[in-house]
Every structure is written in C-alpha cells, then in structure tokens.
Amino acid sequence: EGTRLQIYEDECKGQHLHAKVAPTPFYDPEGYRLRI
C-alpha cells in the first residue's frame, strides 16, 4: 500500500505514467460490516 509504480504504455509517446498502490476495497454483499 502506498508503493509508487512506473508504467510504460506504447500509446503514450514514450512517456512513463506513475501510479500508487491503493488499499484493497472490502467486499460485503450482505452489508454486515456496514451494520456493525
């Protein structure tokens, strides 16, 4: 979490894109965690 990544995409004319790792969202289809 928070690690910075460098991404290369051919269609970006040689530019490197930067991204940061985000926390994984939780999956709670029954809404249990929302009721706590």
C-alpha atoms as a PDB file:
ATOM      1  CA  GLU A   1       0.000   0.000   0.000  1.00  0.00           C
ATOM      2  CA  GLY A   2       1.373   3.376  -0.994  1.00  0.00           C
ATOM      3  CA  THR A   3       4.118   1.917  -3.218  1.00  0.00           C
ATOM      4  CA  ARG A   4       4.779   4.019  -6.303  1.00  0.00           C
ATOM      5  CA  LEU A   5       4.801   2.251  -9.682  1.00  0.00           C
ATOM      6  CA  GLN A   6       6.098   3.353 -13.055  1.00  0.00           C
ATOM      7  CA  ILE A   7       4.028   2.242 -16.053  1.00  0.00           C
ATOM      8  CA  TYR A   8       5.118   2.295 -19.693  1.00  0.00           C
ATOM      9  CA  GLU A   9       2.434   2.366 -22.368  1.00  0.00           C
ATOM     10  CA  ASP A  10       3.329   2.333 -26.084  1.00  0.00           C
ATOM     11  CA  GLU A  11       0.468   4.689 -26.927  1.00  0.00           C
ATOM     12  CA  CYS A  12       1.751   7.409 -24.550  1.00  0.00           C
ATOM     13  CA  LYS A  13       4.569   8.501 -26.907  1.00  0.00           C
ATOM     14  CA  GLY A  14       7.334   7.160 -24.676  1.00  0.00           C
ATOM     15  CA  GLN A  15       6.096   8.824 -21.505  1.00  0.00           C
ATOM     16  CA  HIS A  16       6.146   6.879 -18.276  1.00  0.00           C
ATOM     17  CA  LEU A  17       2.997   7.040 -16.173  1.00  0.00           C
ATOM     18  CA  HIS A  18       3.074   6.901 -12.384  1.00  0.00           C
ATOM     19  CA  ALA A  19       0.592   5.228 -10.079  1.00  0.00           C
ATOM     20  CA  LYS A  20       0.341   4.479  -6.369  1.00  0.00           C
ATOM     21  CA  VAL A  21      -0.911   1.204  -4.882  1.00  0.00           C
ATOM     22  CA  ALA A  22      -4.233   1.742  -3.097  1.00  0.00           C
ATOM     23  CA  PRO A  23      -5.734  -0.366  -0.287  1.00  0.00           C
ATOM     24  CA  THR A  24      -7.913  -3.279  -1.388  1.00  0.00           C
ATOM     25  CA  PRO A  25     -11.622  -2.439  -1.114  1.00  0.00           C
ATOM     26  CA  PHE A  26     -13.634  -4.821   1.028  1.00  0.00           C
ATOM     27  CA  TYR A  27     -16.428  -6.925  -0.455  1.00  0.00           C
ATOM     28  CA  ASP A  28     -19.502  -7.187   1.768  1.00  0.00           C
ATOM     29  CA  PRO A  29     -22.581  -8.091  -0.314  1.00  0.00           C
ATOM     30  CA  GLU A  30     -24.770  -8.670   2.776  1.00  0.00           C
ATOM     31  CA  GLY A  31     -23.798  -5.319   4.318  1.00  0.00           C
ATOM     32  CA  TYR A  32     -22.628  -6.991   7.554  1.00  0.00           C
ATOM     33  CA  ARG A  33     -19.660  -4.665   8.118  1.00  0.00           C
ATOM     34  CA  LEU A  34     -21.820  -1.623   7.437  1.00  0.00           C
ATOM     35  CA  ARG A  35     -24.234  -2.611  10.248  1.00  0.00           C
ATOM     36  CA  ILE A  36     -21.556  -3.079  12.904  1.00  0.00           C
END
